[in-house]
Amino acid sequence: MSSQLGWIPSMRQGSAVRLRIRGQDHAAVPTVVEDPEEVAALLGEFRRRKGPKAAKGLMLGLPGDRQPTDDELRTAAAKTRFVCFRMEPERPGR
């Protein structure tokens, strides 16, 4: 396992984490997405929301000038994982 991916085992435990978003802390629970088809779908959604330049910026071989093909998404998905965070409601007094 490369040192870049050393954090993934701790995320697989699903323990709550704190995320700082726009200067505010939020409680969240991580889920590691490793299934290639699910990762490909998330990459496609990322590309649709953020555009081709942002998708290319992930450095997974996605084109920066057009919608990637299903094969390109699957090839890129084989190179990465996603971590999705489910935000937890804030409790009073936090």
PDB file of N, CA and C in Angstrom:
ATOM      1  N   MET A   1       0.853  -1.181   0.000  1.00  0.00           N
ATOM      2  CA  MET A   1       0.000   0.000   0.000  1.00  0.00           C
ATOM      3  C   MET A   1       0.894   1.238   0.000  1.00  0.00           C
ATOM      4  N   SER A   2       0.580   2.183  -0.824  1.00  0.00           N
ATOM      5  CA  SER A   2       1.396   3.386  -0.871  1.00  0.00           C
ATOM      6  C   SER A   2       1.068   4.280   0.315  1.00  0.00           C
ATOM      7  N   SER A   3       1.997   5.153   0.657  1.00  0.00           N
ATOM      8  CA  SER A   3       1.777   6.044   1.796  1.00  0.00           C
ATOM      9  C   SER A   3       0.621   7.000   1.543  1.00  0.00           C
ATOM     10  N   GLN A   4       0.317   7.274   0.279  1.00  0.00           N
ATOM     11  CA  GLN A   4      -0.809   8.146  -0.041  1.00  0.00           C
ATOM     12  C   GLN A   4      -2.123   7.556   0.446  1.00  0.00           C
ATOM     13  N   LEU A   5      -2.233   6.247   0.467  1.00  0.00           N
ATOM     14  CA  LEU A   5      -3.484   5.594   0.812  1.00  0.00           C
ATOM     15  C   LEU A   5      -3.476   5.050   2.234  1.00  0.00           C
ATOM     16  N   GLY A   6      -2.501   5.419   3.041  1.00  0.00           N
ATOM     17  CA  GLY A   6      -2.392   4.919   4.391  1.00  0.00           C
ATOM     18  C   GLY A   6      -3.550   5.304   5.298  1.00  0.00           C
ATOM     19  N   TRP A   7      -4.282   6.331   4.968  1.00  0.00           N
ATOM     20  CA  TRP A   7      -5.404   6.782   5.795  1.00  0.00           C
ATOM     21  C   TRP A   7      -6.672   5.971   5.566  1.00  0.00           C
ATOM     22  N   ILE A   8      -6.745   5.203   4.485  1.00  0.00           N
ATOM     23  CA  ILE A   8      -7.982   4.491   4.145  1.00  0.00           C
ATOM     24  C   ILE A   8      -8.394   3.473   5.220  1.00  0.00           C
ATOM     25  N   PRO A   9      -7.493   2.665   5.780  1.00  0.00           N
ATOM     26  CA  PRO A   9      -7.957   1.722   6.805  1.00  0.00           C
ATOM     27  C   PRO A   9      -8.669   2.392   7.978  1.00  0.00           C
ATOM     28  N   SER A  10      -8.191   3.535   8.408  1.00  0.00           N
ATOM     29  CA  SER A  10      -8.858   4.206   9.525  1.00  0.00           C
ATOM     30  C   SER A  10     -10.229   4.733   9.115  1.00  0.00           C
ATOM     31  N   MET A  11     -10.416   5.090   7.866  1.00  0.00           N
ATOM     32  CA  MET A  11     -11.719   5.549   7.394  1.00  0.00           C
ATOM     33  C   MET A  11     -12.707   4.392   7.270  1.00  0.00           C
ATOM     34  N   ARG A  12     -12.207   3.185   7.006  1.00  0.00           N
ATOM     35  CA  ARG A  12     -13.085   2.024   6.877  1.00  0.00           C
ATOM     36  C   ARG A  12     -13.795   1.698   8.185  1.00  0.00           C
ATOM     37  N   GLN A  13     -13.249   2.135   9.300  1.00  0.00           N
ATOM     38  CA  GLN A  13     -13.854   1.835  10.596  1.00  0.00           C
ATOM     39  C   GLN A  13     -15.174   2.576  10.788  1.00  0.00           C
ATOM     40  N   GLY A  14     -15.399   3.624  10.031  1.00  0.00           N
ATOM     41  CA  GLY A  14     -16.648   4.368  10.115  1.00  0.00           C
ATOM     42  C   GLY A  14     -16.798   5.202  11.371  1.00  0.00           C
ATOM     43  N   SER A  15     -15.680   5.468  12.046  1.00  0.00           N
ATOM     44  CA  SER A  15     -15.735   6.308  13.239  1.00  0.00           C
ATOM     45  C   SER A  15     -16.014   7.747  12.847  1.00  0.00           C
ATOM     46  N   ALA A  16     -16.750   8.436  13.693  1.00  0.00           N
ATOM     47  CA  ALA A  16     -17.080   9.837  13.423  1.00  0.00           C
ATOM     48  C   ALA A  16     -15.809  10.671  13.326  1.00  0.00           C
ATOM     49  N   VAL A  17     -15.843  11.642  12.449  1.00  0.00           N
ATOM     50  CA  VAL A  17     -14.738  12.575  12.252  1.00  0.00           C
ATOM     51  C   VAL A  17     -15.291  13.994  12.308  1.00  0.00           C
ATOM     52  N   ARG A  18     -14.391  14.956  12.388  1.00  0.00           N
ATOM     53  CA  ARG A  18     -14.775  16.363  12.323  1.00  0.00           C
ATOM     54  C   ARG A  18     -14.228  16.919  11.021  1.00  0.00           C
ATOM     55  N   LEU A  19     -15.075  17.580  10.268  1.00  0.00           N
ATOM     56  CA  LEU A  19     -14.669  18.230   9.019  1.00  0.00           C
ATOM     57  C   LEU A  19     -14.774  19.730   9.202  1.00  0.00           C
ATOM     58  N   ARG A  20     -13.802  20.448   8.680  1.00  0.00           N
ATOM     59  CA  ARG A  20     -13.871  21.907   8.680  1.00  0.00           C
ATOM     60  C   ARG A  20     -14.275  22.335   7.279  1.00  0.00           C
ATOM     61  N   ILE A  21     -15.449  22.946   7.172  1.00  0.00           N
ATOM     62  CA  ILE A  21     -15.976  23.395   5.894  1.00  0.00           C
ATOM     63  C   ILE A  21     -16.312  24.867   6.023  1.00  0.00           C
ATOM     64  N   ARG A  22     -15.649  25.665   5.189  1.00  0.00           N
ATOM     65  CA  ARG A  22     -15.843  27.115   5.210  1.00  0.00           C
ATOM     66  C   ARG A  22     -15.724  27.687   6.622  1.00  0.00           C
ATOM     67  N   GLY A  23     -14.698  27.204   7.345  1.00  0.00           N
ATOM     68  CA  GLY A  23     -14.392  27.738   8.662  1.00  0.00           C
ATOM     69  C   GLY A  23     -15.242  27.204   9.799  1.00  0.00           C
ATOM     70  N   GLN A  24     -16.144  26.270   9.525  1.00  0.00           N
ATOM     71  CA  GLN A  24     -16.982  25.715  10.582  1.00  0.00           C
ATOM     72  C   GLN A  24     -16.757  24.213  10.676  1.00  0.00           C
ATOM     73  N   ASP A  25     -16.709  23.705  11.919  1.00  0.00           N
ATOM     74  CA  ASP A  25     -16.533  22.279  12.148  1.00  0.00           C
ATOM     75  C   ASP A  25     -17.881  21.565  12.068  1.00  0.00           C
ATOM     76  N   HIS A  26     -17.849  20.368  11.486  1.00  0.00           N
ATOM     77  CA  HIS A  26     -19.049  19.551  11.338  1.00  0.00           C
ATOM     78  C   HIS A  26     -18.703  18.115  11.688  1.00  0.00           C
ATOM     79  N   ALA A  27     -19.599  17.426  12.385  1.00  0.00           N
ATOM     80  CA  ALA A  27     -19.436  16.000  12.650  1.00  0.00           C
ATOM     81  C   ALA A  27     -19.896  15.239  11.411  1.00  0.00           C
ATOM     82  N   ALA A  28     -19.156  14.179  11.061  1.00  0.00           N
ATOM     83  CA  ALA A  28     -19.500  13.382   9.888  1.00  0.00           C
ATOM     84  C   ALA A  28     -19.021  11.949  10.088  1.00  0.00           C
ATOM     85  N   VAL A  29     -19.638  11.036   9.353  1.00  0.00           N
ATOM     86  CA  VAL A  29     -19.227   9.629   9.364  1.00  0.00           C
ATOM     87  C   VAL A  29     -18.764   9.269   7.955  1.00  0.00           C
ATOM     88  N   PRO A  30     -17.520   8.781   7.819  1.00  0.00           N
ATOM     89  CA  PRO A  30     -17.000   8.441   6.495  1.00  0.00           C
ATOM     90  C   PRO A  30     -17.409   7.043   6.037  1.00  0.00           C
ATOM     91  N   THR A  31     -17.532   6.903   4.716  1.00  0.00           N
ATOM     92  CA  THR A  31     -17.716   5.605   4.074  1.00  0.00           C
ATOM     93  C   THR A  31     -16.750   5.557   2.897  1.00  0.00           C
ATOM     94  N   VAL A  32     -15.876   4.551   2.886  1.00  0.00           N
ATOM     95  CA  VAL A  32     -14.936   4.386   1.778  1.00  0.00           C
ATOM     96  C   VAL A  32     -15.659   3.644   0.656  1.00  0.00           C
ATOM     97  N   VAL A  33     -15.619   4.227  -0.543  1.00  0.00           N
ATOM     98  CA  VAL A  33     -16.237   3.618  -1.722  1.00  0.00           C
ATOM     99  C   VAL A  33     -15.110   3.059  -2.578  1.00  0.00           C
ATOM    100  N   GLU A  34     -15.087   1.729  -2.719  1.00  0.00           N
ATOM    101  CA  GLU A  34     -14.015   1.073  -3.460  1.00  0.00           C
ATOM    102  C   GLU A  34     -14.518   0.269  -4.650  1.00  0.00           C
ATOM    103  N   ASP A  35     -15.820  -0.026  -4.698  1.00  0.00           N
ATOM    104  CA  ASP A  35     -16.365  -0.777  -5.823  1.00  0.00           C
ATOM    105  C   ASP A  35     -16.169   0.036  -7.101  1.00  0.00           C
ATOM    106  N   PRO A  36     -15.487  -0.530  -8.110  1.00  0.00           N
ATOM    107  CA  PRO A  36     -15.174   0.239  -9.316  1.00  0.00           C
ATOM    108  C   PRO A  36     -16.392   0.854 -10.011  1.00  0.00           C
ATOM    109  N   GLU A  37     -17.506   0.147 -10.040  1.00  0.00           N
ATOM    110  CA  GLU A  37     -18.699   0.709 -10.699  1.00  0.00           C
ATOM    111  C   GLU A  37     -19.236   1.908  -9.919  1.00  0.00           C
ATOM    112  N   GLU A  38     -19.233   1.818  -8.582  1.00  0.00           N
ATOM    113  CA  GLU A  38     -19.676   2.945  -7.760  1.00  0.00           C
ATOM    114  C   GLU A  38     -18.722   4.130  -7.899  1.00  0.00           C
ATOM    115  N   VAL A  39     -17.423   3.851  -7.912  1.00  0.00           N
ATOM    116  CA  VAL A  39     -16.438   4.922  -8.071  1.00  0.00           C
ATOM    117  C   VAL A  39     -16.609   5.583  -9.433  1.00  0.00           C
ATOM    118  N   ALA A  40     -16.827   4.785 -10.484  1.00  0.00           N
ATOM    119  CA  ALA A  40     -17.031   5.343 -11.824  1.00  0.00           C
ATOM    120  C   ALA A  40     -18.259   6.247 -11.843  1.00  0.00           C
ATOM    121  N   ALA A  41     -19.329   5.830 -11.179  1.00  0.00           N
ATOM    122  CA  ALA A  41     -20.531   6.666 -11.123  1.00  0.00           C
ATOM    123  C   ALA A  41     -20.258   7.972 -10.379  1.00  0.00           C
ATOM    124  N   LEU A  42     -19.499   7.904  -9.285  1.00  0.00           N
ATOM    125  CA  LEU A  42     -19.153   9.122  -8.541  1.00  0.00           C
ATOM    126  C   LEU A  42     -18.260  10.044  -9.370  1.00  0.00           C
ATOM    127  N   LEU A  43     -17.317   9.467 -10.108  1.00  0.00           N
ATOM    128  CA  LEU A  43     -16.468  10.281 -10.985  1.00  0.00           C
ATOM    129  C   LEU A  43     -17.301  10.976 -12.058  1.00  0.00           C
ATOM    130  N   GLY A  44     -18.262  10.248 -12.627  1.00  0.00           N
ATOM    131  CA  GLY A  44     -19.139  10.842 -13.628  1.00  0.00           C
ATOM    132  C   GLY A  44     -19.951  11.987 -13.047  1.00  0.00           C
ATOM    133  N   GLU A  45     -20.465  11.806 -11.835  1.00  0.00           N
ATOM    134  CA  GLU A  45     -21.231  12.859 -11.165  1.00  0.00           C
ATOM    135  C   GLU A  45     -20.338  14.065 -10.862  1.00  0.00           C
ATOM    136  N   PHE A  46     -19.118  13.810 -10.382  1.00  0.00           N
ATOM    137  CA  PHE A  46     -18.165  14.890 -10.122  1.00  0.00           C
ATOM    138  C   PHE A  46     -17.916  15.691 -11.391  1.00  0.00           C
ATOM    139  N   ARG A  47     -17.696  15.002 -12.482  1.00  0.00           N
ATOM    140  CA  ARG A  47     -17.426  15.658 -13.760  1.00  0.00           C
ATOM    141  C   ARG A  47     -18.636  16.491 -14.201  1.00  0.00           C
ATOM    142  N   ARG A  48     -19.844  15.941 -14.048  1.00  0.00           N
ATOM    143  CA  ARG A  48     -21.047  16.688 -14.444  1.00  0.00           C
ATOM    144  C   ARG A  48     -21.223  17.945 -13.591  1.00  0.00           C
ATOM    145  N   ARG A  49     -20.937  17.836 -12.303  1.00  0.00           N
ATOM    146  CA  ARG A  49     -21.122  18.988 -11.400  1.00  0.00           C
ATOM    147  C   ARG A  49     -20.020  20.025 -11.529  1.00  0.00           C
ATOM    148  N   LYS A  50     -18.777  19.561 -11.635  1.00  0.00           N
ATOM    149  CA  LYS A  50     -17.628  20.482 -11.573  1.00  0.00           C
ATOM    150  C   LYS A  50     -17.027  20.826 -12.928  1.00  0.00           C
ATOM    151  N   GLY A  51     -17.335  20.046 -13.956  1.00  0.00           N
ATOM    152  CA  GLY A  51     -16.821  20.343 -15.286  1.00  0.00           C
ATOM    153  C   GLY A  51     -15.576  19.556 -15.636  1.00  0.00           C
ATOM    154  N   PRO A  52     -15.222  19.579 -16.932  1.00  0.00           N
ATOM    155  CA  PRO A  52     -14.108  18.756 -17.413  1.00  0.00           C
ATOM    156  C   PRO A  52     -12.754  19.146 -16.852  1.00  0.00           C
ATOM    157  N   LYS A  53     -12.509  20.451 -16.646  1.00  0.00           N
ATOM    158  CA  LYS A  53     -11.197  20.850 -16.120  1.00  0.00           C
ATOM    159  C   LYS A  53     -10.980  20.313 -14.714  1.00  0.00           C
ATOM    160  N   ALA A  54     -12.022  20.361 -13.874  1.00  0.00           N
ATOM    161  CA  ALA A  54     -11.907  19.834 -12.510  1.00  0.00           C
ATOM    162  C   ALA A  54     -11.688  18.326 -12.539  1.00  0.00           C
ATOM    163  N   ALA A  55     -12.394  17.624 -13.418  1.00  0.00           N
ATOM    164  CA  ALA A  55     -12.222  16.175 -13.528  1.00  0.00           C
ATOM    165  C   ALA A  55     -10.811  15.834 -13.978  1.00  0.00           C
ATOM    166  N   LYS A  56     -10.302  16.574 -14.932  1.00  0.00           N
ATOM    167  CA  LYS A  56      -8.929  16.353 -15.391  1.00  0.00           C
ATOM    168  C   LYS A  56      -7.947  16.615 -14.255  1.00  0.00           C
ATOM    169  N   GLY A  57      -8.268  17.592 -13.410  1.00  0.00           N
ATOM    170  CA  GLY A  57      -7.408  17.942 -12.280  1.00  0.00           C
ATOM    171  C   GLY A  57      -7.263  16.836 -11.244  1.00  0.00           C
ATOM    172  N   LEU A  58      -8.123  15.851 -11.285  1.00  0.00           N
ATOM    173  CA  LEU A  58      -7.986  14.710 -10.376  1.00  0.00           C
ATOM    174  C   LEU A  58      -6.789  13.837 -10.731  1.00  0.00           C
ATOM    175  N   MET A  59      -6.225  14.064 -11.895  1.00  0.00           N
ATOM    176  CA  MET A  59      -5.046  13.349 -12.394  1.00  0.00           C
ATOM    177  C   MET A  59      -5.269  11.838 -12.456  1.00  0.00           C
ATOM    178  N   LEU A  60      -6.435  11.456 -12.987  1.00  0.00           N
ATOM    179  CA  LEU A  60      -6.760  10.048 -13.169  1.00  0.00           C
ATOM    180  C   LEU A  60      -6.878   9.682 -14.637  1.00  0.00           C
ATOM    181  N   GLY A  61      -6.464  10.606 -15.522  1.00  0.00           N
ATOM    182  CA  GLY A  61      -6.504  10.327 -16.954  1.00  0.00           C
ATOM    183  C   GLY A  61      -7.817  10.685 -17.625  1.00  0.00           C
ATOM    184  N   LEU A  62      -8.676  11.432 -16.941  1.00  0.00           N
ATOM    185  CA  LEU A  62      -9.942  11.838 -17.562  1.00  0.00           C
ATOM    186  C   LEU A  62      -9.706  13.019 -18.501  1.00  0.00           C
ATOM    187  N   PRO A  63     -10.467  13.078 -19.592  1.00  0.00           N
ATOM    188  CA  PRO A  63     -10.290  14.185 -20.533  1.00  0.00           C
ATOM    189  C   PRO A  63     -10.752  15.503 -19.907  1.00  0.00           C
ATOM    190  N   GLY A  64     -10.094  16.587 -20.306  1.00  0.00           N
ATOM    191  CA  GLY A  64     -10.447  17.900 -19.785  1.00  0.00           C
ATOM    192  C   GLY A  64     -11.313  18.722 -20.710  1.00  0.00           C
ATOM    193  N   ASP A  65     -11.686  18.151 -21.869  1.00  0.00           N
ATOM    194  CA  ASP A  65     -12.410  18.944 -22.865  1.00  0.00           C
ATOM    195  C   ASP A  65     -13.761  18.350 -23.270  1.00  0.00           C
ATOM    196  N   ARG A  66     -14.165  17.247 -22.596  1.00  0.00           N
ATOM    197  CA  ARG A  66     -15.426  16.603 -22.985  1.00  0.00           C
ATOM    198  C   ARG A  66     -15.858  15.647 -21.876  1.00  0.00           C
ATOM    199  N   GLN A  67     -17.094  15.156 -22.029  1.00  0.00           N
ATOM    200  CA  GLN A  67     -17.614  14.138 -21.114  1.00  0.00           C
ATOM    201  C   GLN A  67     -16.832  12.845 -21.338  1.00  0.00           C
ATOM    202  N   PRO A  68     -16.306  12.225 -20.290  1.00  0.00           N
ATOM    203  CA  PRO A  68     -15.579  10.965 -20.482  1.00  0.00           C
ATOM    204  C   PRO A  68     -16.525   9.831 -20.876  1.00  0.00           C
ATOM    205  N   THR A  69     -15.990   8.879 -21.596  1.00  0.00           N
ATOM    206  CA  THR A  69     -16.762   7.692 -21.957  1.00  0.00           C
ATOM    207  C   THR A  69     -16.883   6.787 -20.729  1.00  0.00           C
ATOM    208  N   ASP A  70     -17.797   5.829 -20.792  1.00  0.00           N
ATOM    209  CA  ASP A  70     -17.936   4.866 -19.695  1.00  0.00           C
ATOM    210  C   ASP A  70     -16.630   4.102 -19.481  1.00  0.00           C
ATOM    211  N   ASP A  71     -15.951   3.748 -20.558  1.00  0.00           N
ATOM    212  CA  ASP A  71     -14.669   3.044 -20.431  1.00  0.00           C
ATOM    213  C   ASP A  71     -13.621   3.906 -19.738  1.00  0.00           C
ATOM    214  N   GLU A  72     -13.570   5.196 -20.075  1.00  0.00           N
ATOM    215  CA  GLU A  72     -12.613   6.108 -19.417  1.00  0.00           C
ATOM    216  C   GLU A  72     -12.930   6.248 -17.929  1.00  0.00           C
ATOM    217  N   LEU A  73     -14.208   6.308 -17.592  1.00  0.00           N
ATOM    218  CA  LEU A  73     -14.595   6.397 -16.177  1.00  0.00           C
ATOM    219  C   LEU A  73     -14.192   5.120 -15.429  1.00  0.00           C
ATOM    220  N   ARG A  74     -14.407   3.959 -16.033  1.00  0.00           N
ATOM    221  CA  ARG A  74     -14.031   2.701 -15.388  1.00  0.00           C
ATOM    222  C   ARG A  74     -12.513   2.595 -15.227  1.00  0.00           C
ATOM    223  N   THR A  75     -11.767   3.022 -16.237  1.00  0.00           N
ATOM    224  CA  THR A  75     -10.306   2.982 -16.148  1.00  0.00           C
ATOM    225  C   THR A  75      -9.824   3.892 -15.023  1.00  0.00           C
ATOM    226  N   ALA A  76     -10.389   5.098 -14.932  1.00  0.00           N
ATOM    227  CA  ALA A  76     -10.021   6.032 -13.862  1.00  0.00           C
ATOM    228  C   ALA A  76     -10.438   5.482 -12.506  1.00  0.00           C
ATOM    229  N   ALA A  77     -11.603   4.850 -12.438  1.00  0.00           N
ATOM    230  CA  ALA A  77     -12.112   4.314 -11.175  1.00  0.00           C
ATOM    231  C   ALA A  77     -11.192   3.239 -10.608  1.00  0.00           C
ATOM    232  N   ALA A  78     -10.533   2.497 -11.484  1.00  0.00           N
ATOM    233  CA  ALA A  78      -9.622   1.446 -11.028  1.00  0.00           C
ATOM    234  C   ALA A  78      -8.397   2.020 -10.327  1.00  0.00           C
ATOM    235  N   LYS A  79      -8.142   3.323 -10.492  1.00  0.00           N
ATOM    236  CA  LYS A  79      -6.957   3.965  -9.927  1.00  0.00           C
ATOM    237  C   LYS A  79      -7.222   4.679  -8.605  1.00  0.00           C
ATOM    238  N   THR A  80      -8.465   4.673  -8.131  1.00  0.00           N
ATOM    239  CA  THR A  80      -8.753   5.520  -6.972  1.00  0.00           C
ATOM    240  C   THR A  80      -9.874   4.954  -6.123  1.00  0.00           C
ATOM    241  N   ARG A  81     -10.126   5.618  -5.044  1.00  0.00           N
ATOM    242  CA  ARG A  81     -11.246   5.347  -4.139  1.00  0.00           C
ATOM    243  C   ARG A  81     -11.850   6.691  -3.779  1.00  0.00           C
ATOM    244  N   PHE A  82     -13.060   6.645  -3.287  1.00  0.00           N
ATOM    245  CA  PHE A  82     -13.711   7.857  -2.786  1.00  0.00           C
ATOM    246  C   PHE A  82     -14.038   7.653  -1.316  1.00  0.00           C
ATOM    247  N   VAL A  83     -14.070   8.726  -0.582  1.00  0.00           N
ATOM    248  CA  VAL A  83     -14.614   8.696   0.768  1.00  0.00           C
ATOM    249  C   VAL A  83     -15.801   9.646   0.763  1.00  0.00           C
ATOM    250  N   CYS A  84     -16.969   9.116   1.088  1.00  0.00           N
ATOM    251  CA  CYS A  84     -18.177   9.930   1.197  1.00  0.00           C
ATOM    252  C   CYS A  84     -18.430  10.175   2.680  1.00  0.00           C
ATOM    253  N   PHE A  85     -18.869  11.368   3.001  1.00  0.00           N
ATOM    254  CA  PHE A  85     -19.123  11.727   4.392  1.00  0.00           C
ATOM    255  C   PHE A  85     -20.604  12.020   4.588  1.00  0.00           C
ATOM    256  N   ARG A  86     -21.193  11.359   5.575  1.00  0.00           N
ATOM    257  CA  ARG A  86     -22.576  11.639   5.958  1.00  0.00           C
ATOM    258  C   ARG A  86     -22.517  12.600   7.147  1.00  0.00           C
ATOM    259  N   MET A  87     -23.062  13.773   6.953  1.00  0.00           N
ATOM    260  CA  MET A  87     -23.031  14.791   7.992  1.00  0.00           C
ATOM    261  C   MET A  87     -23.974  14.394   9.121  1.00  0.00           C
ATOM    262  N   GLU A  88     -23.511  14.560  10.342  1.00  0.00           N
ATOM    263  CA  GLU A  88     -24.300  14.265  11.534  1.00  0.00           C
ATOM    264  C   GLU A  88     -24.948  15.554  12.024  1.00  0.00           C
ATOM    265  N   PRO A  89     -26.149  15.451  12.559  1.00  0.00           N
ATOM    266  CA  PRO A  89     -26.775  16.672  13.107  1.00  0.00           C
ATOM    267  C   PRO A  89     -25.971  17.162  14.307  1.00  0.00           C
ATOM    268  N   GLU A  90     -25.872  18.469  14.401  1.00  0.00           N
ATOM    269  CA  GLU A  90     -25.153  19.071  15.533  1.00  0.00           C
ATOM    270  C   GLU A  90     -25.990  18.916  16.804  1.00  0.00           C
ATOM    271  N   ARG A  91     -25.291  18.576  17.876  1.00  0.00           N
ATOM    272  CA  ARG A  91     -25.957  18.460  19.160  1.00  0.00           C
ATOM    273  C   ARG A  91     -25.836  19.778  19.919  1.00  0.00           C
ATOM    274  N   PRO A  92     -26.839  20.139  20.678  1.00  0.00           N
ATOM    275  CA  PRO A  92     -26.752  21.377  21.477  1.00  0.00           C
ATOM    276  C   PRO A  92     -25.539  21.344  22.390  1.00  0.00           C
ATOM    277  N   GLY A  93     -24.903  22.495  22.538  1.00  0.00           N
ATOM    278  CA  GLY A  93     -23.750  22.605  23.415  1.00  0.00           C
ATOM    279  C   GLY A  93     -22.430  22.322  22.742  1.00  0.00           C
ATOM    280  N   ARG A  94     -22.406  22.095  21.446  1.00  0.00           N
ATOM    281  CA  ARG A  94     -21.163  21.835  20.718  1.00  0.00           C
ATOM    282  C   ARG A  94     -20.665  23.064  20.058  1.00  0.00           C
TER     283      ARG A  94
END
